[in-house]
Amino acid sequence: MLAIKLKRVGKKRQPSYRVVVQPKRSKVRGNYVEDLGWYNPTTKEIKISAVRAAHWIKCGAQPTATVSNLLKKQGAKAK
C-alpha cells in the first residue's frame, strides 16, 4: 500500500520537507515513487502538485495526517 508522506531534507535545525509517495512501511529516508512538492515549516511555504496528489489518492495512496492538513491548507482535496 502506498502513502503520501513527508521526507525530511535540509540542514540541522533548518528543516524542510519533500512531499513524496512511498510504500507505507518503508523507511522515511528510503526510495520513493514520486516527488509531489515541498513544505518549509520555518517560512510556512507549501507547494504541492494538487493534480498529482489527487491522482495518487484515486490510485489508493493514503496521505498521512500532516500531509492531509497541508493539502487542505493549499486548497486541494485530501479524500
PDB file of N, CA and C in Angstrom:
ATOM      1  N   MET A   1       0.838  -1.175   0.000  1.00  0.00           N
ATOM      2  CA  MET A   1       0.000   0.000   0.000  1.00  0.00           C
ATOM      3  C   MET A   1       0.887   1.244   0.000  1.00  0.00           C
ATOM      4  N   LEU A   2       0.481   2.245  -0.766  1.00  0.00           N
ATOM      5  CA  LEU A   2       1.255   3.478  -0.865  1.00  0.00           C
ATOM      6  C   LEU A   2       0.714   4.545   0.085  1.00  0.00           C
ATOM      7  N   ALA A   3       1.598   5.437   0.485  1.00  0.00           N
ATOM      8  CA  ALA A   3       1.229   6.557   1.352  1.00  0.00           C
ATOM      9  C   ALA A   3       1.896   7.817   0.829  1.00  0.00           C
ATOM     10  N   ILE A   4       1.257   8.945   1.075  1.00  0.00           N
ATOM     11  CA  ILE A   4       1.844  10.241   0.744  1.00  0.00           C
ATOM     12  C   ILE A   4       2.396  10.785   2.049  1.00  0.00           C
ATOM     13  N   LYS A   5       3.736  10.904   2.115  1.00  0.00           N
ATOM     14  CA  LYS A   5       4.426  11.236   3.364  1.00  0.00           C
ATOM     15  C   LYS A   5       5.319  12.451   3.199  1.00  0.00           C
ATOM     16  N   LEU A   6       5.848  12.916   4.347  1.00  0.00           N
ATOM     17  CA  LEU A   6       6.873  13.953   4.353  1.00  0.00           C
ATOM     18  C   LEU A   6       8.236  13.292   4.488  1.00  0.00           C
ATOM     19  N   LYS A   7       9.193  13.734   3.693  1.00  0.00           N
ATOM     20  CA  LYS A   7      10.566  13.242   3.768  1.00  0.00           C
ATOM     21  C   LYS A   7      11.438  14.430   4.140  1.00  0.00           C
ATOM     22  N   ARG A   8      12.129  14.335   5.260  1.00  0.00           N
ATOM     23  CA  ARG A   8      12.903  15.461   5.753  1.00  0.00           C
ATOM     24  C   ARG A   8      14.181  15.652   4.941  1.00  0.00           C
ATOM     25  N   VAL A   9      14.440  16.894   4.565  1.00  0.00           N
ATOM     26  CA  VAL A   9      15.672  17.288   3.899  1.00  0.00           C
ATOM     27  C   VAL A   9      16.116  18.587   4.558  1.00  0.00           C
ATOM     28  N   GLY A  10      17.316  19.020   4.292  1.00  0.00           N
ATOM     29  CA  GLY A  10      17.793  20.271   4.866  1.00  0.00           C
ATOM     30  C   GLY A  10      18.847  20.044   5.924  1.00  0.00           C
ATOM     31  N   LYS A  11      19.403  21.163   6.392  1.00  0.00           N
ATOM     32  CA  LYS A  11      20.466  21.104   7.381  1.00  0.00           C
ATOM     33  C   LYS A  11      19.921  20.922   8.792  1.00  0.00           C
ATOM     34  N   LYS A  12      20.839  20.758   9.739  1.00  0.00           N
ATOM     35  CA  LYS A  12      20.454  20.689  11.138  1.00  0.00           C
ATOM     36  C   LYS A  12      19.753  21.981  11.535  1.00  0.00           C
ATOM     37  N   ARG A  13      18.674  21.848  12.270  1.00  0.00           N
ATOM     38  CA  ARG A  13      17.894  22.975  12.777  1.00  0.00           C
ATOM     39  C   ARG A  13      17.325  23.879  11.682  1.00  0.00           C
ATOM     40  N   GLN A  14      17.356  23.417  10.438  1.00  0.00           N
ATOM     41  CA  GLN A  14      16.729  24.131   9.324  1.00  0.00           C
ATOM     42  C   GLN A  14      15.913  23.128   8.505  1.00  0.00           C
ATOM     43  N   PRO A  15      14.827  22.638   9.083  1.00  0.00           N
ATOM     44  CA  PRO A  15      14.097  21.575   8.399  1.00  0.00           C
ATOM     45  C   PRO A  15      13.365  22.073   7.161  1.00  0.00           C
ATOM     46  N   SER A  16      13.278  21.196   6.208  1.00  0.00           N
ATOM     47  CA  SER A  16      12.483  21.383   5.015  1.00  0.00           C
ATOM     48  C   SER A  16      12.031  19.985   4.627  1.00  0.00           C
ATOM     49  N   TYR A  17      10.864  19.871   4.054  1.00  0.00           N
ATOM     50  CA  TYR A  17      10.312  18.551   3.776  1.00  0.00           C
ATOM     51  C   TYR A  17       9.907  18.428   2.320  1.00  0.00           C
ATOM     52  N   ARG A  18      10.107  17.245   1.753  1.00  0.00           N
ATOM     53  CA  ARG A  18       9.599  16.881   0.447  1.00  0.00           C
ATOM     54  C   ARG A  18       8.322  16.084   0.682  1.00  0.00           C
ATOM     55  N   VAL A  19       7.323  16.309  -0.138  1.00  0.00           N
ATOM     56  CA  VAL A  19       6.095  15.520  -0.083  1.00  0.00           C
ATOM     57  C   VAL A  19       6.237  14.437  -1.151  1.00  0.00           C
ATOM     58  N   VAL A  20       6.307  13.179  -0.717  1.00  0.00           N
ATOM     59  CA  VAL A  20       6.595  12.072  -1.628  1.00  0.00           C
ATOM     60  C   VAL A  20       5.572  10.949  -1.478  1.00  0.00           C
ATOM     61  N   VAL A  21       5.491  10.131  -2.519  1.00  0.00           N
ATOM     62  CA  VAL A  21       4.681   8.917  -2.495  1.00  0.00           C
ATOM     63  C   VAL A  21       5.633   7.760  -2.258  1.00  0.00           C
ATOM     64  N   GLN A  22       5.401   7.017  -1.166  1.00  0.00           N
ATOM     65  CA  GLN A  22       6.256   5.892  -0.769  1.00  0.00           C
ATOM     66  C   GLN A  22       5.394   4.731  -0.322  1.00  0.00           C
ATOM     67  N   PRO A  23       5.947   3.528  -0.339  1.00  0.00           N
ATOM     68  CA  PRO A  23       5.234   2.427   0.319  1.00  0.00           C
ATOM     69  C   PRO A  23       5.046   2.744   1.800  1.00  0.00           C
ATOM     70  N   LYS A  24       3.906   2.380   2.341  1.00  0.00           N
ATOM     71  CA  LYS A  24       3.531   2.773   3.699  1.00  0.00           C
ATOM     72  C   LYS A  24       4.545   2.353   4.757  1.00  0.00           C
ATOM     73  N   ARG A  25       5.128   1.172   4.624  1.00  0.00           N
ATOM     74  CA  ARG A  25       6.031   0.673   5.656  1.00  0.00           C
ATOM     75  C   ARG A  25       7.509   0.904   5.348  1.00  0.00           C
ATOM     76  N   SER A  26       7.818   1.726   4.368  1.00  0.00           N
ATOM     77  CA  SER A  26       9.219   1.970   4.037  1.00  0.00           C
ATOM     78  C   SER A  26       9.824   2.992   4.993  1.00  0.00           C
ATOM     79  N   LYS A  27      11.142   3.025   5.033  1.00  0.00           N
ATOM     80  CA  LYS A  27      11.840   3.975   5.876  1.00  0.00           C
ATOM     81  C   LYS A  27      11.667   5.384   5.307  1.00  0.00           C
ATOM     82  N   VAL A  28      11.707   6.373   6.185  1.00  0.00           N
ATOM     83  CA  VAL A  28      11.492   7.754   5.766  1.00  0.00           C
ATOM     84  C   VAL A  28      12.569   8.201   4.790  1.00  0.00           C
ATOM     85  N   ARG A  29      13.794   7.783   4.991  1.00  0.00           N
ATOM     86  CA  ARG A  29      14.887   8.179   4.106  1.00  0.00           C
ATOM     87  C   ARG A  29      15.050   7.244   2.911  1.00  0.00           C
ATOM     88  N   GLY A  30      14.133   6.305   2.736  1.00  0.00           N
ATOM     89  CA  GLY A  30      14.239   5.336   1.652  1.00  0.00           C
ATOM     90  C   GLY A  30      13.828   5.914   0.309  1.00  0.00           C
ATOM     91  N   ASN A  31      13.787   5.039  -0.690  1.00  0.00           N
ATOM     92  CA  ASN A  31      13.404   5.443  -2.035  1.00  0.00           C
ATOM     93  C   ASN A  31      11.918   5.779  -2.082  1.00  0.00           C
ATOM     94  N   TYR A  32      11.548   6.598  -3.038  1.00  0.00           N
ATOM     95  CA  TYR A  32      10.157   6.977  -3.188  1.00  0.00           C
ATOM     96  C   TYR A  32       9.720   6.800  -4.635  1.00  0.00           C
ATOM     97  N   VAL A  33       8.418   6.771  -4.847  1.00  0.00           N
ATOM     98  CA  VAL A  33       7.858   6.556  -6.175  1.00  0.00           C
ATOM     99  C   VAL A  33       7.800   7.871  -6.949  1.00  0.00           C
ATOM    100  N   GLU A  34       7.301   8.931  -6.305  1.00  0.00           N
ATOM    101  CA  GLU A  34       7.179  10.225  -6.975  1.00  0.00           C
ATOM    102  C   GLU A  34       7.280  11.356  -5.956  1.00  0.00           C
ATOM    103  N   ASP A  35       7.888  12.451  -6.382  1.00  0.00           N
ATOM    104  CA  ASP A  35       8.022  13.659  -5.581  1.00  0.00           C
ATOM    105  C   ASP A  35       6.889  14.603  -5.981  1.00  0.00           C
ATOM    106  N   LEU A  36       6.033  14.975  -5.014  1.00  0.00           N
ATOM    107  CA  LEU A  36       4.866  15.800  -5.315  1.00  0.00           C
ATOM    108  C   LEU A  36       5.064  17.277  -5.020  1.00  0.00           C
ATOM    109  N   GLY A  37       6.049  17.618  -4.216  1.00  0.00           N
ATOM    110  CA  GLY A  37       6.250  19.027  -3.875  1.00  0.00           C
ATOM    111  C   GLY A  37       7.091  19.161  -2.623  1.00  0.00           C
ATOM    112  N   TRP A  38       6.956  20.323  -1.949  1.00  0.00           N
ATOM    113  CA  TRP A  38       7.763  20.577  -0.765  1.00  0.00           C
ATOM    114  C   TRP A  38       6.989  21.422   0.238  1.00  0.00           C
ATOM    115  N   TYR A  39       7.503  21.443   1.483  1.00  0.00           N
ATOM    116  CA  TYR A  39       6.921  22.219   2.577  1.00  0.00           C
ATOM    117  C   TYR A  39       8.063  22.735   3.434  1.00  0.00           C
ATOM    118  N   ASN A  40       8.069  24.046   3.691  1.00  0.00           N
ATOM    119  CA  ASN A  40       9.079  24.665   4.536  1.00  0.00           C
ATOM    120  C   ASN A  40       8.380  25.207   5.778  1.00  0.00           C
ATOM    121  N   PRO A  41       8.545  24.556   6.950  1.00  0.00           N
ATOM    122  CA  PRO A  41       7.823  24.988   8.143  1.00  0.00           C
ATOM    123  C   PRO A  41       8.328  26.303   8.738  1.00  0.00           C
ATOM    124  N   THR A  42       9.559  26.696   8.453  1.00  0.00           N
ATOM    125  CA  THR A  42      10.064  27.942   9.029  1.00  0.00           C
ATOM    126  C   THR A  42       9.439  29.156   8.346  1.00  0.00           C
ATOM    127  N   THR A  43       9.206  29.077   7.041  1.00  0.00           N
ATOM    128  CA  THR A  43       8.589  30.193   6.319  1.00  0.00           C
ATOM    129  C   THR A  43       7.116  29.926   6.010  1.00  0.00           C
ATOM    130  N   LYS A  44       6.616  28.749   6.387  1.00  0.00           N
ATOM    131  CA  LYS A  44       5.227  28.337   6.162  1.00  0.00           C
ATOM    132  C   LYS A  44       4.855  28.276   4.676  1.00  0.00           C
ATOM    133  N   GLU A  45       5.827  28.026   3.811  1.00  0.00           N
ATOM    134  CA  GLU A  45       5.566  27.910   2.381  1.00  0.00           C
ATOM    135  C   GLU A  45       5.216  26.463   2.035  1.00  0.00           C
ATOM    136  N   ILE A  46       4.224  26.322   1.169  1.00  0.00           N
ATOM    137  CA  ILE A  46       3.779  24.999   0.728  1.00  0.00           C
ATOM    138  C   ILE A  46       3.645  25.029  -0.788  1.00  0.00           C
ATOM    139  N   LYS A  47       4.189  24.022  -1.438  1.00  0.00           N
ATOM    140  CA  LYS A  47       3.973  23.871  -2.875  1.00  0.00           C
ATOM    141  C   LYS A  47       3.832  22.382  -3.165  1.00  0.00           C
ATOM    142  N   ILE A  48       2.599  21.960  -3.396  1.00  0.00           N
ATOM    143  CA  ILE A  48       2.297  20.560  -3.683  1.00  0.00           C
ATOM    144  C   ILE A  48       1.474  20.518  -4.964  1.00  0.00           C
ATOM    145  N   SER A  49       1.811  19.609  -5.856  1.00  0.00           N
ATOM    146  CA  SER A  49       1.052  19.435  -7.082  1.00  0.00           C
ATOM    147  C   SER A  49      -0.283  18.767  -6.737  1.00  0.00           C
ATOM    148  N   ALA A  50      -1.356  19.563  -6.751  1.00  0.00           N
ATOM    149  CA  ALA A  50      -2.674  19.062  -6.371  1.00  0.00           C
ATOM    150  C   ALA A  50      -3.184  18.021  -7.362  1.00  0.00           C
ATOM    151  N   VAL A  51      -2.854  18.191  -8.630  1.00  0.00           N
ATOM    152  CA  VAL A  51      -3.307  17.247  -9.653  1.00  0.00           C
ATOM    153  C   VAL A  51      -2.678  15.876  -9.427  1.00  0.00           C
ATOM    154  N   ARG A  52      -1.375  15.851  -9.189  1.00  0.00           N
ATOM    155  CA  ARG A  52      -0.685  14.571  -8.962  1.00  0.00           C
ATOM    156  C   ARG A  52      -1.106  13.946  -7.636  1.00  0.00           C
ATOM    157  N   ALA A  53      -1.318  14.770  -6.611  1.00  0.00           N
ATOM    158  CA  ALA A  53      -1.772  14.248  -5.315  1.00  0.00           C
ATOM    159  C   ALA A  53      -3.149  13.605  -5.465  1.00  0.00           C
ATOM    160  N   ALA A  54      -4.041  14.253  -6.193  1.00  0.00           N
ATOM    161  CA  ALA A  54      -5.375  13.690  -6.423  1.00  0.00           C
ATOM    162  C   ALA A  54      -5.282  12.384  -7.210  1.00  0.00           C
ATOM    163  N   HIS A  55      -4.364  12.335  -8.176  1.00  0.00           N
ATOM    164  CA  HIS A  55      -4.162  11.106  -8.955  1.00  0.00           C
ATOM    165  C   HIS A  55      -3.755   9.955  -8.039  1.00  0.00           C
ATOM    166  N   TRP A  56      -2.790  10.188  -7.164  1.00  0.00           N
ATOM    167  CA  TRP A  56      -2.311   9.117  -6.290  1.00  0.00           C
ATOM    168  C   TRP A  56      -3.361   8.724  -5.259  1.00  0.00           C
ATOM    169  N   ILE A  57      -4.155   9.674  -4.801  1.00  0.00           N
ATOM    170  CA  ILE A  57      -5.223   9.342  -3.853  1.00  0.00           C
ATOM    171  C   ILE A  57      -6.268   8.466  -4.544  1.00  0.00           C
ATOM    172  N   LYS A  58      -6.575   8.772  -5.810  1.00  0.00           N
ATOM    173  CA  LYS A  58      -7.511   7.927  -6.572  1.00  0.00           C
ATOM    174  C   LYS A  58      -6.946   6.533  -6.791  1.00  0.00           C
ATOM    175  N   CYS A  59      -5.620   6.429  -6.905  1.00  0.00           N
ATOM    176  CA  CYS A  59      -4.971   5.127  -7.098  1.00  0.00           C
ATOM    177  C   CYS A  59      -4.872   4.331  -5.800  1.00  0.00           C
ATOM    178  N   GLY A  60      -5.241   4.936  -4.665  1.00  0.00           N
ATOM    179  CA  GLY A  60      -5.259   4.204  -3.408  1.00  0.00           C
ATOM    180  C   GLY A  60      -4.226   4.645  -2.391  1.00  0.00           C
ATOM    181  N   ALA A  61      -3.390   5.631  -2.716  1.00  0.00           N
ATOM    182  CA  ALA A  61      -2.405   6.119  -1.740  1.00  0.00           C
ATOM    183  C   ALA A  61      -3.129   6.911  -0.654  1.00  0.00           C
ATOM    184  N   GLN A  62      -2.731   6.688   0.583  1.00  0.00           N
ATOM    185  CA  GLN A  62      -3.356   7.383   1.704  1.00  0.00           C
ATOM    186  C   GLN A  62      -2.408   8.446   2.244  1.00  0.00           C
ATOM    187  N   PRO A  63      -2.847   9.714   2.300  1.00  0.00           N
ATOM    188  CA  PRO A  63      -1.982  10.748   2.870  1.00  0.00           C
ATOM    189  C   PRO A  63      -1.919  10.610   4.389  1.00  0.00           C
ATOM    190  N   THR A  64      -0.760  10.931   4.962  1.00  0.00           N
ATOM    191  CA  THR A  64      -0.654  10.949   6.418  1.00  0.00           C
ATOM    192  C   THR A  64      -1.472  12.130   6.937  1.00  0.00           C
ATOM    193  N   ALA A  65      -1.652  12.210   8.233  1.00  0.00           N
ATOM    194  CA  ALA A  65      -2.458  13.280   8.822  1.00  0.00           C
ATOM    195  C   ALA A  65      -1.870  14.657   8.510  1.00  0.00           C
ATOM    196  N   THR A  66      -0.557  14.779   8.612  1.00  0.00           N
ATOM    197  CA  THR A  66       0.098  16.059   8.348  1.00  0.00           C
ATOM    198  C   THR A  66      -0.036  16.455   6.888  1.00  0.00           C
ATOM    199  N   VAL A  67       0.177  15.524   5.983  1.00  0.00           N
ATOM    200  CA  VAL A  67       0.056  15.820   4.556  1.00  0.00           C
ATOM    201  C   VAL A  67      -1.389  16.166   4.217  1.00  0.00           C
ATOM    202  N   SER A  68      -2.339  15.493   4.839  1.00  0.00           N
ATOM    203  CA  SER A  68      -3.742  15.806   4.625  1.00  0.00           C
ATOM    204  C   SER A  68      -4.046  17.245   5.024  1.00  0.00           C
ATOM    205  N   ASN A  69      -3.518  17.679   6.166  1.00  0.00           N
ATOM    206  CA  ASN A  69      -3.713  19.059   6.609  1.00  0.00           C
ATOM    207  C   ASN A  69      -3.053  20.043   5.658  1.00  0.00           C
ATOM    208  N   LEU A  70      -1.869  19.715   5.147  1.00  0.00           N
ATOM    209  CA  LEU A  70      -1.184  20.598   4.199  1.00  0.00           C
ATOM    210  C   LEU A  70      -1.977  20.727   2.904  1.00  0.00           C
ATOM    211  N   LEU A  71      -2.546  19.625   2.429  1.00  0.00           N
ATOM    212  CA  LEU A  71      -3.355  19.674   1.215  1.00  0.00           C
ATOM    213  C   LEU A  71      -4.598  20.538   1.419  1.00  0.00           C
ATOM    214  N   LYS A  72      -5.205  20.444   2.595  1.00  0.00           N
ATOM    215  CA  LYS A  72      -6.375  21.274   2.891  1.00  0.00           C
ATOM    216  C   LYS A  72      -5.999  22.750   2.950  1.00  0.00           C
ATOM    217  N   LYS A  73      -4.844  23.063   3.538  1.00  0.00           N
ATOM    218  CA  LYS A  73      -4.390  24.450   3.597  1.00  0.00           C
ATOM    219  C   LYS A  73      -4.149  25.026   2.215  1.00  0.00           C
ATOM    220  N   GLN A  74      -3.647  24.186   1.330  1.00  0.00           N
ATOM    221  CA  GLN A  74      -3.343  24.638  -0.016  1.00  0.00           C
ATOM    222  C   GLN A  74      -4.605  24.737  -0.878  1.00  0.00           C
ATOM    223  N   GLY A  75      -5.675  24.092  -0.447  1.00  0.00           N
ATOM    224  CA  GLY A  75      -6.920  24.153  -1.190  1.00  0.00           C
ATOM    225  C   GLY A  75      -7.216  22.911  -2.003  1.00  0.00           C
ATOM    226  N   ALA A  76      -6.354  21.911  -1.930  1.00  0.00           N
ATOM    227  CA  ALA A  76      -6.606  20.652  -2.632  1.00  0.00           C
ATOM    228  C   ALA A  76      -7.433  19.736  -1.746  1.00  0.00           C
ATOM    229  N   LYS A  77      -8.123  18.809  -2.363  1.00  0.00           N
ATOM    230  CA  LYS A  77      -8.924  17.865  -1.583  1.00  0.00           C
ATOM    231  C   LYS A  77      -8.082  16.690  -1.162  1.00  0.00           C
ATOM    232  N   ALA A  78      -8.156  16.334   0.106  1.00  0.00           N
ATOM    233  CA  ALA A  78      -7.409  15.197   0.649  1.00  0.00           C
ATOM    234  C   ALA A  78      -8.385  14.103   1.069  1.00  0.00           C
ATOM    235  N   LYS A  79      -9.063  13.537   0.105  1.00  0.00           N
ATOM    236  CA  LYS A  79     -10.001  12.442   0.292  1.00  0.00           C
ATOM    237  C   LYS A  79     -11.319  12.864   0.807  1.00  0.00           C
TER     238      LYS A  79
END
